[in-house]
C-alpha cells in the first residue's frame, strides 16, 4: 500500500474519489496488521500448544527416535519371538519331510525299473525293495514329527494373535489420541484463519464499502468546477480610481502628533491626552 500511496499522492485526485483511494490504503494497512496479529497468535498459541503436546506425548530417547515408537516396536518383537521360533522349527521339519518324500519317490522309481528289468538279479531287486521300505518308514517318522510340530504351532496361534492384537489396540489408542488432538488443533487454526467471522475484518470491509458507496461524481464535478472551473471566484479587470499618495510628515510634526494622540488609562477607561500627563502613581 505504501508504494501505491506514494503514486496516488502525486496524482490530481480530489473529492470522494480521493477519499476512496485513501480508504483502500487505510484498509490494507489495517488488514495487514490483523493478519500479522493472526500469524502471531498462531505461533504463540497453537505453536506452543503443539510443542507442549509433542514433548509430553512423544518424548525423545537419549540417542534418537521417539520412546513410543521404540516401545511399540519392542512389544511387537517380544510377542513375535516365541511364534517366530516355533515357525522356524516348523519350517525346518517341513523341509525334512519334503526331502524324505523325494527320497521315497526316487526309491519307488528305482524299484519299478528293477521289476521291469529282466537282467537284474533277484538279490539286487531285494536290496532295492528294502531301500524303498526304509525310505517310506523314514518319511512316515518325519511326517509324524511334522504333524506334531504343526499342531504345536496351531495351538499357540490364538495366544499369539491375542498378544499381537492387544499391542495393536494399544498403538491404535495412541494414534486415536494423536488424531483427535490434531483435529482440535486444526479446528483452532481454522478459527484463527477464518476472517469471515472476525469482527475487526468485518468492520474494515464495512467501512471500505460505505466509503466506496459514498463516491458521488456530481459532487466531485461540482467541487472541481467551483475550485478549478468556471464556478471559481473571479477578479475581472475594472476601472480603478486614482488615489493621491500619502505625504510623509516631518519628524518634528510626527512626534508632536504622537504626543497629541497618546492614549492613557484613567479609571480603567482609555482616554486621549491632549497634553503631557504625568501620573502620580506607578500604574497611571
C-alpha atoms as a PDB file:
ATOM      1  CA  UNK A   1       0.000   0.000   0.000  1.00  0.00           C
ATOM      2  CA  UNK A   2       2.903   2.395   0.674  1.00  0.00           C
ATOM      3  CA  UNK A   3       4.068   2.048  -2.930  1.00  0.00           C
ATOM      4  CA  UNK A   4       0.638   2.839  -4.364  1.00  0.00           C
ATOM      5  CA  UNK A   5       0.025   5.549  -1.794  1.00  0.00           C
ATOM      6  CA  UNK A   6       3.095   7.461  -2.973  1.00  0.00           C
ATOM      7  CA  UNK A   7       1.875   7.110  -6.568  1.00  0.00           C
ATOM      8  CA  UNK A   8      -1.649   8.278  -5.794  1.00  0.00           C
ATOM      9  CA  UNK A   9      -0.384  11.245  -3.768  1.00  0.00           C
ATOM     10  CA  UNK A  10       1.281  12.591  -6.906  1.00  0.00           C
ATOM     11  CA  UNK A  11      -1.896  12.322  -8.986  1.00  0.00           C
ATOM     12  CA  UNK A  12      -4.532  15.070  -9.319  1.00  0.00           C
ATOM     13  CA  UNK A  13      -7.196  13.270  -7.309  1.00  0.00           C
ATOM     14  CA  UNK A  14      -9.857  15.072  -5.334  1.00  0.00           C
ATOM     15  CA  UNK A  15     -13.192  14.732  -3.609  1.00  0.00           C
ATOM     16  CA  UNK A  16     -14.896  11.463  -2.732  1.00  0.00           C
ATOM     17  CA  UNK A  17     -12.754   9.503  -5.209  1.00  0.00           C
ATOM     18  CA  UNK A  18      -9.609  10.573  -3.369  1.00  0.00           C
ATOM     19  CA  UNK A  19     -11.231   9.569  -0.080  1.00  0.00           C
ATOM     20  CA  UNK A  20     -11.991   6.137  -1.568  1.00  0.00           C
ATOM     21  CA  UNK A  21      -8.363   5.671  -2.588  1.00  0.00           C
ATOM     22  CA  UNK A  22      -7.202   6.706   0.871  1.00  0.00           C
ATOM     23  CA  UNK A  23      -9.701   4.311   2.431  1.00  0.00           C
ATOM     24  CA  UNK A  24      -8.250   1.486   0.343  1.00  0.00           C
ATOM     25  CA  UNK A  25      -4.788   2.212   1.689  1.00  0.00           C
ATOM     26  CA  UNK A  26      -6.036   2.511   5.256  1.00  0.00           C
ATOM     27  CA  UNK A  27      -7.944  -0.762   4.886  1.00  0.00           C
ATOM     28  CA  UNK A  28      -4.894  -2.610   3.564  1.00  0.00           C
ATOM     29  CA  UNK A  29      -2.796  -1.335   6.470  1.00  0.00           C
ATOM     30  CA  UNK A  30      -5.437  -2.420   8.962  1.00  0.00           C
ATOM     31  CA  UNK A  31      -5.815  -5.826   7.293  1.00  0.00           C
ATOM     32  CA  UNK A  32      -2.040  -6.239   7.252  1.00  0.00           C
ATOM     33  CA  UNK A  33      -1.936  -5.545  10.979  1.00  0.00           C
ATOM     34  CA  UNK A  34      -4.789  -8.013  11.558  1.00  0.00           C
ATOM     35  CA  UNK A  35      -3.059 -10.739   9.539  1.00  0.00           C
ATOM     36  CA  UNK A  36       0.154 -10.103  11.442  1.00  0.00           C
ATOM     37  CA  UNK A  37      -1.722 -10.495  14.714  1.00  0.00           C
ATOM     38  CA  UNK A  38      -3.291 -13.729  13.407  1.00  0.00           C
ATOM     39  CA  UNK A  39       0.139 -15.067  12.465  1.00  0.00           C
ATOM     40  CA  UNK A  40       1.496 -14.101  15.864  1.00  0.00           C
ATOM     41  CA  UNK A  41      -1.410 -15.771  17.665  1.00  0.00           C
ATOM     42  CA  UNK A  42      -0.853 -18.956  15.635  1.00  0.00           C
ATOM     43  CA  UNK A  43       2.783 -19.041  16.708  1.00  0.00           C
ATOM     44  CA  UNK A  44       2.241 -18.138  20.350  1.00  0.00           C
ATOM     45  CA  UNK A  45      -0.943 -20.134  20.952  1.00  0.00           C
ATOM     46  CA  UNK A  46      -1.125 -23.112  18.592  1.00  0.00           C
ATOM     47  CA  UNK A  47       2.618 -23.450  18.083  1.00  0.00           C
ATOM     48  CA  UNK A  48       3.307 -23.615  21.816  1.00  0.00           C
ATOM     49  CA  UNK A  49       0.329 -25.919  22.293  1.00  0.00           C
ATOM     50  CA  UNK A  50       1.682 -28.405  19.729  1.00  0.00           C
ATOM     51  CA  UNK A  51       5.206 -28.199  21.162  1.00  0.00           C
ATOM     52  CA  UNK A  52       3.954 -28.915  24.677  1.00  0.00           C
ATOM     53  CA  UNK A  53       1.795 -31.827  23.474  1.00  0.00           C
ATOM     54  CA  UNK A  54       4.645 -33.292  21.426  1.00  0.00           C
ATOM     55  CA  UNK A  55       7.041 -33.009  24.355  1.00  0.00           C
ATOM     56  CA  UNK A  56       4.617 -34.729  26.733  1.00  0.00           C
ATOM     57  CA  UNK A  57       3.265 -37.356  24.314  1.00  0.00           C
ATOM     58  CA  UNK A  58       6.344 -38.194  22.257  1.00  0.00           C
ATOM     59  CA  UNK A  59       9.409 -37.825  24.481  1.00  0.00           C
ATOM     60  CA  UNK A  60      12.626 -38.447  22.585  1.00  0.00           C
ATOM     61  CA  UNK A  61      15.136 -41.117  23.504  1.00  0.00           C
ATOM     62  CA  UNK A  62      18.673 -40.231  24.508  1.00  0.00           C
ATOM     63  CA  UNK A  63      20.193 -41.270  21.195  1.00  0.00           C
ATOM     64  CA  UNK A  64      17.467 -40.961  18.553  1.00  0.00           C
ATOM     65  CA  UNK A  65      13.824 -41.628  17.800  1.00  0.00           C
ATOM     66  CA  UNK A  66      10.710 -41.447  19.991  1.00  0.00           C
ATOM     67  CA  UNK A  67      10.105 -43.508  23.100  1.00  0.00           C
ATOM     68  CA  UNK A  68       6.589 -44.561  21.998  1.00  0.00           C
ATOM     69  CA  UNK A  69       7.885 -45.847  18.662  1.00  0.00           C
ATOM     70  CA  UNK A  70      10.613 -47.832  20.397  1.00  0.00           C
ATOM     71  CA  UNK A  71       8.178 -49.261  22.981  1.00  0.00           C
ATOM     72  CA  UNK A  72       5.681 -50.385  20.333  1.00  0.00           C
ATOM     73  CA  UNK A  73       8.399 -51.958  18.211  1.00  0.00           C
ATOM     74  CA  UNK A  74       9.828 -53.748  21.258  1.00  0.00           C
ATOM     75  CA  UNK A  75       6.387 -55.005  22.321  1.00  0.00           C
ATOM     76  CA  UNK A  76       5.654 -56.408  18.866  1.00  0.00           C
ATOM     77  CA  UNK A  77       9.080 -58.070  18.716  1.00  0.00           C
ATOM     78  CA  UNK A  78       8.602 -59.601  22.171  1.00  0.00           C
ATOM     79  CA  UNK A  79       5.205 -61.025  21.204  1.00  0.00           C
ATOM     80  CA  UNK A  80       6.514 -62.353  17.886  1.00  0.00           C
ATOM     81  CA  UNK A  81       9.644 -64.011  19.296  1.00  0.00           C
ATOM     82  CA  UNK A  82       8.030 -67.282  20.583  1.00  0.00           C
ATOM     83  CA  UNK A  83       5.900 -67.538  17.456  1.00  0.00           C
ATOM     84  CA  UNK A  84       8.924 -66.946  15.258  1.00  0.00           C
ATOM     85  CA  UNK A  85      10.897 -69.714  16.987  1.00  0.00           C
ATOM     86  CA  UNK A  86       8.064 -72.203  16.590  1.00  0.00           C
ATOM     87  CA  UNK A  87       7.623 -71.189  12.980  1.00  0.00           C
ATOM     88  CA  UNK A  88      11.315 -71.732  12.286  1.00  0.00           C
ATOM     89  CA  UNK A  89      11.141 -75.226  13.805  1.00  0.00           C
ATOM     90  CA  UNK A  90       8.065 -75.997  11.736  1.00  0.00           C
ATOM     91  CA  UNK A  91       9.796 -74.824   8.589  1.00  0.00           C
ATOM     92  CA  UNK A  92      12.810 -76.993   9.385  1.00  0.00           C
ATOM     93  CA  UNK A  93      10.641 -80.104   9.902  1.00  0.00           C
ATOM     94  CA  UNK A  94       8.675 -79.343   6.745  1.00  0.00           C
ATOM     95  CA  UNK A  95      11.890 -79.170   4.732  1.00  0.00           C
ATOM     96  CA  UNK A  96      12.983 -82.530   6.218  1.00  0.00           C
ATOM     97  CA  UNK A  97       9.625 -84.106   5.377  1.00  0.00           C
ATOM     98  CA  UNK A  98       9.758 -82.919   1.785  1.00  0.00           C
ATOM     99  CA  UNK A  99      13.301 -84.254   1.489  1.00  0.00           C
ATOM    100  CA  UNK A 100      12.237 -87.734   2.715  1.00  0.00           C
ATOM    101  CA  UNK A 101       9.332 -87.625   0.267  1.00  0.00           C
ATOM    102  CA  UNK A 102      11.785 -87.018  -2.554  1.00  0.00           C
ATOM    103  CA  UNK A 103      13.949 -89.943  -1.376  1.00  0.00           C
ATOM    104  CA  UNK A 104      10.901 -92.215  -1.208  1.00  0.00           C
ATOM    105  CA  UNK A 105       9.848 -91.198  -4.704  1.00  0.00           C
ATOM    106  CA  UNK A 106      13.344 -91.921  -6.013  1.00  0.00           C
ATOM    107  CA  UNK A 107      13.276 -95.369  -4.317  1.00  0.00           C
ATOM    108  CA  UNK A 108       9.852 -96.124  -5.856  1.00  0.00           C
ATOM    109  CA  UNK A 109      11.092 -95.202  -9.331  1.00  0.00           C
ATOM    110  CA  UNK A 110      14.164 -97.381  -8.861  1.00  0.00           C
ATOM    111  CA  UNK A 111      12.035-100.318  -7.635  1.00  0.00           C
ATOM    112  CA  UNK A 112       9.716-100.030 -10.656  1.00  0.00           C
ATOM    113  CA  UNK A 113      12.649-100.029 -13.025  1.00  0.00           C
ATOM    114  CA  UNK A 114      14.080-103.096 -11.232  1.00  0.00           C
ATOM    115  CA  UNK A 115      10.817-105.012 -11.666  1.00  0.00           C
ATOM    116  CA  UNK A 116      10.774-104.241 -15.375  1.00  0.00           C
ATOM    117  CA  UNK A 117      14.397-105.268 -15.830  1.00  0.00           C
ATOM    118  CA  UNK A 118      14.971-108.949 -16.711  1.00  0.00           C
ATOM    119  CA  UNK A 119      18.721-108.737 -16.472  1.00  0.00           C
ATOM    120  CA  UNK A 120      18.859-107.581 -12.793  1.00  0.00           C
ATOM    121  CA  UNK A 121      19.416-110.284 -10.201  1.00  0.00           C
ATOM    122  CA  UNK A 122      16.835-111.079  -7.550  1.00  0.00           C
ATOM    123  CA  UNK A 123      19.279-110.200  -4.808  1.00  0.00           C
ATOM    124  CA  UNK A 124      19.733-106.702  -6.155  1.00  0.00           C
ATOM    125  CA  UNK A 125      15.997-106.304  -6.626  1.00  0.00           C
ATOM    126  CA  UNK A 126      15.524-107.294  -2.974  1.00  0.00           C
ATOM    127  CA  UNK A 127      18.002-104.667  -1.821  1.00  0.00           C
ATOM    128  CA  UNK A 128      16.204-102.026  -3.860  1.00  0.00           C
ATOM    129  CA  UNK A 129      12.881-103.054  -2.316  1.00  0.00           C
ATOM    130  CA  UNK A 130      14.380-102.859   1.190  1.00  0.00           C
ATOM    131  CA  UNK A 131      15.755 -99.381   0.441  1.00  0.00           C
ATOM    132  CA  UNK A 132      12.291 -98.309  -0.680  1.00  0.00           C
ATOM    133  CA  UNK A 133      10.722 -99.645   2.529  1.00  0.00           C
ATOM    134  CA  UNK A 134      13.338 -97.865   4.608  1.00  0.00           C
ATOM    135  CA  UNK A 135      12.691 -94.573   2.759  1.00  0.00           C
ATOM    136  CA  UNK A 136       8.957 -94.973   3.340  1.00  0.00           C
ATOM    137  CA  UNK A 137       9.467 -95.602   7.065  1.00  0.00           C
ATOM    138  CA  UNK A 138      11.757 -92.560   7.356  1.00  0.00           C
ATOM    139  CA  UNK A 139       9.196 -90.417   5.563  1.00  0.00           C
ATOM    140  CA  UNK A 140       6.439 -91.527   7.952  1.00  0.00           C
ATOM    141  CA  UNK A 141       8.604 -90.765  11.001  1.00  0.00           C
ATOM    142  CA  UNK A 142       9.408 -87.283   9.745  1.00  0.00           C
ATOM    143  CA  UNK A 143       5.768 -86.717   8.792  1.00  0.00           C
ATOM    144  CA  UNK A 144       4.755 -87.617  12.346  1.00  0.00           C
ATOM    145  CA  UNK A 145       7.210 -85.030  13.711  1.00  0.00           C
ATOM    146  CA  UNK A 146       5.939 -82.540  11.145  1.00  0.00           C
ATOM    147  CA  UNK A 147       2.312 -83.043  12.192  1.00  0.00           C
ATOM    148  CA  UNK A 148       3.156 -82.723  15.897  1.00  0.00           C
ATOM    149  CA  UNK A 149       5.088 -79.510  15.284  1.00  0.00           C
ATOM    150  CA  UNK A 150       2.231 -78.158  13.190  1.00  0.00           C
ATOM    151  CA  UNK A 151      -0.201 -78.987  15.995  1.00  0.00           C
ATOM    152  CA  UNK A 152       2.009 -77.154  18.495  1.00  0.00           C
ATOM    153  CA  UNK A 153       2.153 -74.084  16.282  1.00  0.00           C
ATOM    154  CA  UNK A 154      -1.616 -74.202  15.694  1.00  0.00           C
ATOM    155  CA  UNK A 155      -2.320 -74.431  19.433  1.00  0.00           C
ATOM    156  CA  UNK A 156      -0.068 -71.418  20.088  1.00  0.00           C
ATOM    157  CA  UNK A 157      -1.694 -69.316  17.356  1.00  0.00           C
ATOM    158  CA  UNK A 158      -4.637 -67.973  19.485  1.00  0.00           C
ATOM    159  CA  UNK A 159      -2.270 -66.755  22.202  1.00  0.00           C
ATOM    160  CA  UNK A 160      -0.012 -65.157  19.619  1.00  0.00           C
ATOM    161  CA  UNK A 161      -2.954 -63.389  17.990  1.00  0.00           C
ATOM    162  CA  UNK A 162      -4.269 -62.211  21.369  1.00  0.00           C
ATOM    163  CA  UNK A 163      -0.939 -60.682  22.380  1.00  0.00           C
ATOM    164  CA  UNK A 164      -0.414 -59.054  18.996  1.00  0.00           C
ATOM    165  CA  UNK A 165      -3.955 -57.635  18.958  1.00  0.00           C
ATOM    166  CA  UNK A 166      -3.511 -56.236  22.483  1.00  0.00           C
ATOM    167  CA  UNK A 167      -0.349 -54.399  21.453  1.00  0.00           C
ATOM    168  CA  UNK A 168      -2.027 -53.276  18.238  1.00  0.00           C
ATOM    169  CA  UNK A 169      -5.058 -51.905  20.108  1.00  0.00           C
ATOM    170  CA  UNK A 170      -2.739 -50.025  22.440  1.00  0.00           C
ATOM    171  CA  UNK A 171      -0.991 -48.418  19.494  1.00  0.00           C
ATOM    172  CA  UNK A 172      -4.390 -47.700  17.928  1.00  0.00           C
ATOM    173  CA  UNK A 173      -5.462 -45.874  21.091  1.00  0.00           C
ATOM    174  CA  UNK A 174      -2.311 -43.770  20.978  1.00  0.00           C
ATOM    175  CA  UNK A 175      -2.988 -42.988  17.332  1.00  0.00           C
ATOM    176  CA  UNK A 176      -6.616 -42.122  18.128  1.00  0.00           C
ATOM    177  CA  UNK A 177      -5.464 -39.601  20.732  1.00  0.00           C
ATOM    178  CA  UNK A 178      -2.993 -38.117  18.256  1.00  0.00           C
ATOM    179  CA  UNK A 179      -5.616 -37.733  15.526  1.00  0.00           C
ATOM    180  CA  UNK A 180      -8.140 -36.284  17.985  1.00  0.00           C
ATOM    181  CA  UNK A 181      -5.619 -33.735  19.258  1.00  0.00           C
ATOM    182  CA  UNK A 182      -4.570 -32.683  15.762  1.00  0.00           C
ATOM    183  CA  UNK A 183      -8.224 -32.340  14.791  1.00  0.00           C
ATOM    184  CA  UNK A 184      -8.734 -29.878  17.639  1.00  0.00           C
ATOM    185  CA  UNK A 185      -5.579 -28.013  16.626  1.00  0.00           C
ATOM    186  CA  UNK A 186      -6.731 -27.810  13.002  1.00  0.00           C
ATOM    187  CA  UNK A 187     -10.128 -26.503  14.099  1.00  0.00           C
ATOM    188  CA  UNK A 188      -8.420 -23.905  16.262  1.00  0.00           C
ATOM    189  CA  UNK A 189      -6.179 -22.873  13.361  1.00  0.00           C
ATOM    190  CA  UNK A 190      -9.283 -22.629  11.169  1.00  0.00           C
ATOM    191  CA  UNK A 191     -10.881 -20.379  13.775  1.00  0.00           C
ATOM    192  CA  UNK A 192      -7.856 -18.088  13.618  1.00  0.00           C
ATOM    193  CA  UNK A 193      -7.734 -18.054   9.820  1.00  0.00           C
ATOM    194  CA  UNK A 194     -11.493 -17.764   9.234  1.00  0.00           C
ATOM    195  CA  UNK A 195     -11.658 -13.999   8.774  1.00  0.00           C
ATOM    196  CA  UNK A 196     -15.313 -14.212   7.736  1.00  0.00           C
ATOM    197  CA  UNK A 197     -16.228 -14.314  11.433  1.00  0.00           C
ATOM    198  CA  UNK A 198     -13.643 -11.746  12.535  1.00  0.00           C
ATOM    199  CA  UNK A 199     -15.447  -8.603  13.673  1.00  0.00           C
ATOM    200  CA  UNK A 200     -12.382  -6.410  13.082  1.00  0.00           C
ATOM    201  CA  UNK A 201     -12.118  -7.612   9.483  1.00  0.00           C
ATOM    202  CA  UNK A 202     -15.846  -7.142   9.001  1.00  0.00           C
ATOM    203  CA  UNK A 203     -15.511  -3.570  10.268  1.00  0.00           C
ATOM    204  CA  UNK A 204     -12.694  -2.836   7.797  1.00  0.00           C
ATOM    205  CA  UNK A 205     -14.680  -4.084   4.804  1.00  0.00           C
ATOM    206  CA  UNK A 206     -17.857  -2.425   6.038  1.00  0.00           C
ATOM    207  CA  UNK A 207     -16.160   0.972   6.320  1.00  0.00           C
ATOM    208  CA  UNK A 208     -14.491   0.491   2.946  1.00  0.00           C
ATOM    209  CA  UNK A 209     -17.817  -0.393   1.337  1.00  0.00           C
ATOM    210  CA  UNK A 210     -19.502   2.648   2.872  1.00  0.00           C
ATOM    211  CA  UNK A 211     -16.703   4.884   1.607  1.00  0.00           C
ATOM    212  CA  UNK A 212     -16.949   3.425  -1.890  1.00  0.00           C
ATOM    213  CA  UNK A 213     -20.708   3.850  -1.901  1.00  0.00           C
ATOM    214  CA  UNK A 214     -20.262   7.490  -0.884  1.00  0.00           C
ATOM    215  CA  UNK A 215     -18.406   8.280  -4.119  1.00  0.00           C
ATOM    216  CA  UNK A 216     -20.543  10.959  -5.781  1.00  0.00           C
ATOM    217  CA  UNK A 217     -19.440  12.002  -9.236  1.00  0.00           C
ATOM    218  CA  UNK A 218     -21.788  15.003  -9.259  1.00  0.00           C
ATOM    219  CA  UNK A 219     -20.392  16.416  -6.011  1.00  0.00           C
ATOM    220  CA  UNK A 220     -16.845  15.814  -7.204  1.00  0.00           C
ATOM    221  CA  UNK A 221     -17.505  17.541 -10.529  1.00  0.00           C
ATOM    222  CA  UNK A 222     -19.211  20.433  -8.744  1.00  0.00           C
ATOM    223  CA  UNK A 223     -16.254  20.836  -6.388  1.00  0.00           C
ATOM    224  CA  UNK A 224     -13.827  20.831  -9.315  1.00  0.00           C
ATOM    225  CA  UNK A 225     -15.979  23.353 -11.184  1.00  0.00           C
ATOM    226  CA  UNK A 226     -16.120  25.686  -8.179  1.00  0.00           C
ATOM    227  CA  UNK A 227     -12.388  25.407  -7.421  1.00  0.00           C
ATOM    228  CA  UNK A 228     -10.791  24.931 -10.811  1.00  0.00           C
ATOM    229  CA  UNK A 229     -13.526  25.687 -13.336  1.00  0.00           C
ATOM    230  CA  UNK A 230     -15.969  28.401 -14.315  1.00  0.00           C
ATOM    231  CA  UNK A 231     -17.502  28.395 -10.836  1.00  0.00           C
ATOM    232  CA  UNK A 232     -14.340  29.538  -9.067  1.00  0.00           C
ATOM    233  CA  UNK A 233     -14.124  33.150  -7.736  1.00  0.00           C
ATOM    234  CA  UNK A 234     -13.126  35.671 -10.404  1.00  0.00           C
ATOM    235  CA  UNK A 235     -11.440  39.056 -10.315  1.00  0.00           C
ATOM    236  CA  UNK A 236     -12.066  40.662 -13.677  1.00  0.00           C
ATOM    237  CA  UNK A 237     -10.314  43.903 -14.672  1.00  0.00           C
ATOM    238  CA  UNK A 238     -12.257  47.117 -13.797  1.00  0.00           C
ATOM    239  CA  UNK A 239     -11.757  50.877 -13.522  1.00  0.00           C
ATOM    240  CA  UNK A 240      -9.506  51.747 -10.631  1.00  0.00           C
ATOM    241  CA  UNK A 241      -9.762  55.365  -9.356  1.00  0.00           C
ATOM    242  CA  UNK A 242      -6.590  57.277  -8.755  1.00  0.00           C
ATOM    243  CA  UNK A 243      -5.739  57.994  -5.145  1.00  0.00           C
ATOM    244  CA  UNK A 244      -3.213  60.692  -4.219  1.00  0.00           C
ATOM    245  CA  UNK A 245      -0.123  59.372  -2.452  1.00  0.00           C
ATOM    246  CA  UNK A 246       0.134  59.896   1.284  1.00  0.00           C
ATOM    247  CA  UNK A 247       2.747  62.505   2.143  1.00  0.00           C
ATOM    248  CA  UNK A 248       5.304  61.665   4.806  1.00  0.00           C
ATOM    249  CA  UNK A 249       5.309  64.023   7.824  1.00  0.00           C
ATOM    250  CA  UNK A 250       8.484  65.533   9.087  1.00  0.00           C
ATOM    251  CA  UNK A 251       9.961  64.049  12.271  1.00  0.00           C
ATOM    252  CA  UNK A 252       9.048  67.012  14.495  1.00  0.00           C
ATOM    253  CA  UNK A 253       5.429  67.123  13.356  1.00  0.00           C
ATOM    254  CA  UNK A 254       5.170  63.301  13.596  1.00  0.00           C
ATOM    255  CA  UNK A 255       6.434  63.398  17.211  1.00  0.00           C
ATOM    256  CA  UNK A 256       4.031  66.211  18.059  1.00  0.00           C
ATOM    257  CA  UNK A 257       1.133  64.331  16.538  1.00  0.00           C
ATOM    258  CA  UNK A 258       2.104  61.248  18.507  1.00  0.00           C
ATOM    259  CA  UNK A 259       2.015  63.171  21.750  1.00  0.00           C
ATOM    260  CA  UNK A 260      -1.389  64.607  20.953  1.00  0.00           C
ATOM    261  CA  UNK A 261      -2.892  61.237  20.218  1.00  0.00           C
ATOM    262  CA  UNK A 262      -1.237  59.387  23.133  1.00  0.00           C
ATOM    263  CA  UNK A 263      -3.709  57.174  24.939  1.00  0.00           C
ATOM    264  CA  UNK A 264      -3.712  56.792  28.747  1.00  0.00           C
ATOM    265  CA  UNK A 265      -5.816  54.850  31.222  1.00  0.00           C
ATOM    266  CA  UNK A 266      -7.934  56.686  33.775  1.00  0.00           C
ATOM    267  CA  UNK A 267     -10.195  54.573  35.930  1.00  0.00           C
ATOM    268  CA  UNK A 268      -9.864  51.656  33.597  1.00  0.00           C
ATOM    269  CA  UNK A 269     -11.045  53.749  30.576  1.00  0.00           C
ATOM    270  CA  UNK A 270      -8.824  54.640  27.662  1.00  0.00           C
ATOM    271  CA  UNK A 271      -8.673  58.412  27.003  1.00  0.00           C
ATOM    272  CA  UNK A 272      -6.542  60.545  24.749  1.00  0.00           C
ATOM    273  CA  UNK A 273      -4.373  63.108  26.480  1.00  0.00           C
ATOM    274  CA  UNK A 274      -4.182  66.483  24.795  1.00  0.00           C
ATOM    275  CA  UNK A 275      -1.105  67.441  26.852  1.00  0.00           C
ATOM    276  CA  UNK A 276       1.823  65.799  28.569  1.00  0.00           C
ATOM    277  CA  UNK A 277       0.321  63.879  31.501  1.00  0.00           C
ATOM    278  CA  UNK A 278       2.422  62.791  34.437  1.00  0.00           C
ATOM    279  CA  UNK A 279       0.797  60.180  36.655  1.00  0.00           C
ATOM    280  CA  UNK A 280       1.057  60.362  40.410  1.00  0.00           C
ATOM    281  CA  UNK A 281       1.007  56.595  40.849  1.00  0.00           C
ATOM    282  CA  UNK A 282       3.182  54.000  39.162  1.00  0.00           C
ATOM    283  CA  UNK A 283       0.285  52.343  37.329  1.00  0.00           C
ATOM    284  CA  UNK A 284      -1.093  55.601  35.819  1.00  0.00           C
END
